[in-house]
Protein backbone atom coordinates (compact mmCIF):
# COMPACT_ATOMS: atom_id res chain seq x y z
CA MET A 1 73.36 -41.17 6.92
CA PHE A 2 72.24 -37.33 6.89
CA LEU A 3 71.72 -34.48 4.65
CA LEU A 4 73.79 -31.09 4.88
CA CYS A 5 71.57 -27.69 3.90
CA PHE A 6 72.60 -24.51 3.43
CA LEU A 7 70.45 -21.73 4.01
CA THR A 8 70.64 -18.21 3.30
CA VAL A 9 69.39 -16.38 6.26
CA THR A 10 69.30 -12.41 5.99
CA THR A 11 69.17 -10.08 8.55
CA VAL A 12 68.07 -6.55 7.87
CA VAL A 13 70.46 -3.75 9.81
CA TRP A 14 68.72 -0.77 8.48
CA GLN A 15 65.61 0.26 7.29
CA GLU A 16 63.77 3.52 6.15
CA ASP A 17 59.77 3.41 5.53
CA PHE A 18 59.47 7.63 5.79
CA THR A 19 56.80 7.57 8.65
CA GLN A 20 59.76 10.03 10.37
CA GLU A 21 57.99 13.76 10.28
CA THR A 22 61.89 14.49 9.80
CA PRO A 23 62.72 14.95 6.16
CA THR A 24 65.33 12.98 4.71
CA MET A 25 65.98 13.60 1.05
CA ASN A 26 67.30 16.67 -0.31
CA GLN A 27 67.49 18.01 -3.46
CA LEU A 28 70.88 17.51 -4.99
CA TYR A 29 72.47 20.88 -5.66
CA ASP A 30 70.77 22.94 -8.91
CA TYR A 31 68.40 20.57 -9.04
CA THR A 32 64.55 21.23 -8.74
CA ILE A 33 62.70 18.67 -7.37
CA ASP A 34 59.52 18.43 -5.18
CA ILE A 35 60.19 15.93 -2.41
CA ASP A 36 55.71 15.17 -0.42
CA TYR A 37 55.82 12.17 2.34
CA ARG A 38 52.58 10.67 2.53
CA ASP A 39 51.52 7.83 4.51
CA GLY A 40 54.43 6.27 4.53
CA VAL A 41 55.50 7.08 1.05
CA VAL A 42 57.93 9.41 -0.12
CA SER A 43 57.35 11.35 -3.59
CA LEU A 44 59.58 12.53 -6.02
CA THR A 45 58.41 14.84 -8.98
CA GLY A 46 60.17 16.92 -11.22
CA GLU A 47 59.84 18.64 -14.56
CA PRO A 48 62.78 19.78 -15.84
CA GLN A 49 63.11 21.98 -18.66
CA PHE A 50 64.73 21.14 -22.20
CA ASN A 51 68.06 18.57 -21.47
CA ASP A 52 67.78 18.89 -17.90
CA PHE A 53 67.72 16.35 -15.06
CA THR A 54 66.13 15.94 -11.87
CA ALA A 55 67.87 14.42 -8.43
CA ALA A 56 67.21 13.91 -4.91
CA TRP A 57 69.64 12.05 -2.43
CA PHE A 58 69.59 11.01 1.20
CA TYR A 59 72.36 9.36 3.83
CA VAL A 60 72.23 7.04 6.85
CA ASP A 61 74.31 8.62 9.33
CA GLU A 62 74.32 5.80 11.65
CA ASP A 63 77.44 3.57 12.73
CA ILE A 64 76.87 0.23 10.52
CA ALA A 65 79.63 -1.37 9.07
CA PHE A 66 78.64 -2.62 5.52
CA ARG A 67 79.54 -6.29 4.29
CA ASP A 68 80.40 -7.02 0.46
CA THR A 69 77.39 -9.94 0.98
CA ASP A 70 74.98 -6.89 2.15
CA VAL A 71 71.96 -6.62 0.00
CA LEU A 72 70.24 -3.25 -0.71
CA GLU A 73 66.52 -3.62 -1.45
CA LEU A 74 63.63 -0.97 -1.77
CA VAL A 75 60.48 -0.95 -3.35
CA VAL A 76 59.42 1.58 -6.08
CA LYS A 77 57.37 2.98 -8.48
CA ILE A 78 58.26 4.46 -11.13
CA LYS A 79 55.82 5.92 -13.55
CA SER A 80 58.23 7.80 -16.33
CA ASN A 81 61.38 8.14 -17.36
CA ASN A 82 63.96 5.17 -16.30
CA VAL A 83 65.83 5.98 -12.63
CA ARG A 84 69.35 5.72 -12.43
CA LEU A 85 70.13 4.72 -8.17
CA ARG A 86 73.83 5.28 -6.88
CA TYR A 87 74.92 4.47 -3.84
CA PHE A 88 78.34 4.88 -1.81
CA TYR A 89 78.89 3.11 1.49
CA ARG A 90 81.76 2.25 3.34
CA ARG A 91 82.97 -1.44 4.47
CA GLU A 92 83.81 -3.03 7.48
CA ASP A 93 87.44 -1.64 7.54
CA ARG A 94 85.85 1.90 6.52
CA ALA A 95 89.23 3.04 4.17
CA VAL A 96 86.86 3.61 1.28
CA TYR A 97 83.67 4.20 -0.42
CA PHE A 98 82.53 1.76 -2.22
CA CYS A 99 80.17 2.99 -5.33
CA GLY A 100 77.40 0.83 -7.53
CA GLU A 101 74.69 1.53 -9.77
CA ARG A 102 71.53 0.26 -11.30
CA ILE A 103 69.21 1.72 -13.63
CA ILE A 104 65.44 0.67 -12.74
CA GLN A 105 62.73 0.63 -15.86
CA ALA A 106 59.94 2.61 -15.39
CA ASP A 107 56.79 1.07 -14.53
CA ASP A 108 53.57 2.16 -12.65
CA GLN A 109 53.14 -0.93 -10.76
CA TRP A 110 55.61 -1.46 -7.52
CA GLN A 111 58.67 -3.03 -8.21
CA LYS A 112 61.03 -4.83 -5.35
CA VAL A 113 64.32 -4.22 -5.96
CA GLU A 114 67.15 -5.92 -4.73
CA ILE A 115 71.48 -4.95 -5.62
CA PRO A 116 73.93 -6.92 -4.25
CA PHE A 117 76.42 -4.57 -2.76
CA SER A 118 78.88 -7.17 -3.67
CA GLU A 119 78.34 -5.50 -7.53
CA ALA A 120 79.72 -2.58 -6.19
CA GLN A 121 83.66 -1.19 -6.77
CA PRO A 122 86.19 0.68 -5.10
CA PHE A 123 85.46 4.38 -5.00
CA TYR A 124 88.31 6.74 -5.10
CA GLY A 125 87.27 10.11 -6.10
CA SER A 126 87.69 13.57 -4.59
CA ASP A 127 85.62 14.67 -1.87
CA TYR A 128 82.54 13.68 -3.51
CA PRO A 129 80.05 12.66 -1.84
CA LEU A 130 81.32 13.39 1.50
CA ALA A 131 81.18 17.39 0.53
CA LEU A 132 77.62 16.84 1.02
CA THR A 133 77.75 16.16 4.22
CA PRO A 134 80.55 18.49 5.91
CA GLY A 135 81.93 17.27 9.38
CA THR A 136 80.06 13.89 8.92
CA LYS A 137 80.93 10.51 7.16
CA PRO A 138 78.18 8.83 6.94
CA CYS A 139 78.16 4.89 6.08
CA LEU A 140 75.68 5.38 3.23
CA TYR A 141 74.62 7.87 0.48
CA LEU A 142 71.99 7.19 -1.85
CA PHE A 143 71.11 8.98 -5.18
CA ILE A 144 68.14 8.65 -7.32
CA SER A 145 68.21 10.74 -10.66
CA ASN A 146 65.85 10.28 -14.05
CA GLU A 147 68.34 8.06 -16.27
CA LEU A 148 67.44 10.94 -19.72
CA PRO A 149 66.33 14.29 -19.37
CA GLY A 150 62.42 14.52 -18.78
CA THR A 151 60.00 14.09 -16.73
CA PHE A 152 60.77 12.42 -13.11
CA ASP A 153 57.74 10.69 -11.03
CA VAL A 154 59.19 8.05 -8.25
CA GLU A 155 57.57 7.34 -5.42
CA ILE A 156 59.35 4.51 -2.55
CA ASP A 157 58.16 3.15 -0.40
CA TRP A 158 60.60 1.58 1.60
CA ILE A 159 64.67 1.20 1.26
CA SER A 160 66.30 -1.15 3.59
CA ILE A 161 69.90 -2.90 3.81
CA SER A 162 70.34 -6.77 4.67
CA HIS A 163 73.28 -8.93 6.31
CA ALA A 164 73.23 -11.74 4.29
CA PHE A 165 74.46 -15.60 4.99
CA LEU A 166 74.43 -18.95 4.78
CA LYS A 167 73.47 -20.93 7.21
CA LYS A 168 74.76 -24.93 7.86
CA GLU A 169 72.24 -27.71 9.17
CA GLU A 170 72.65 -30.86 9.33
CA ARG A 171 69.93 -33.64 8.90
């Protein structure tokens, strides 16, 4: 008699730990945001007036073929106002971007957030988000904004994307 087991195995295919000197986060359009890199953490703060929002973004310009089974993970501390995280990624076929969104609740403790790419839907929009990076077609865009108007105070320790797959073992 033998026992058949399935294990979920993950492989990190991309990670940003914010230790590089080169800034990777950008302010989105006319939004006003302070972006500060310190000790491997990026801090995003904004104090928009009245009914305004704050938003930051970055992209990955590497040749990575993402799969629907991949998982976006980040460790984040949100000190005020819930955060809206939007992501756009290109799948293995690279024909179209897929878009997903997650609202992350404010918590002044570090929290690990896992977002399966399987939650994303095809995005057949205009030139957005490609208009942000003329001449390039990144494999991933990530946008971080406050869910509701008001104070924006977020710290990000790291972001990664992992391939997840099942491994079959016989015992």
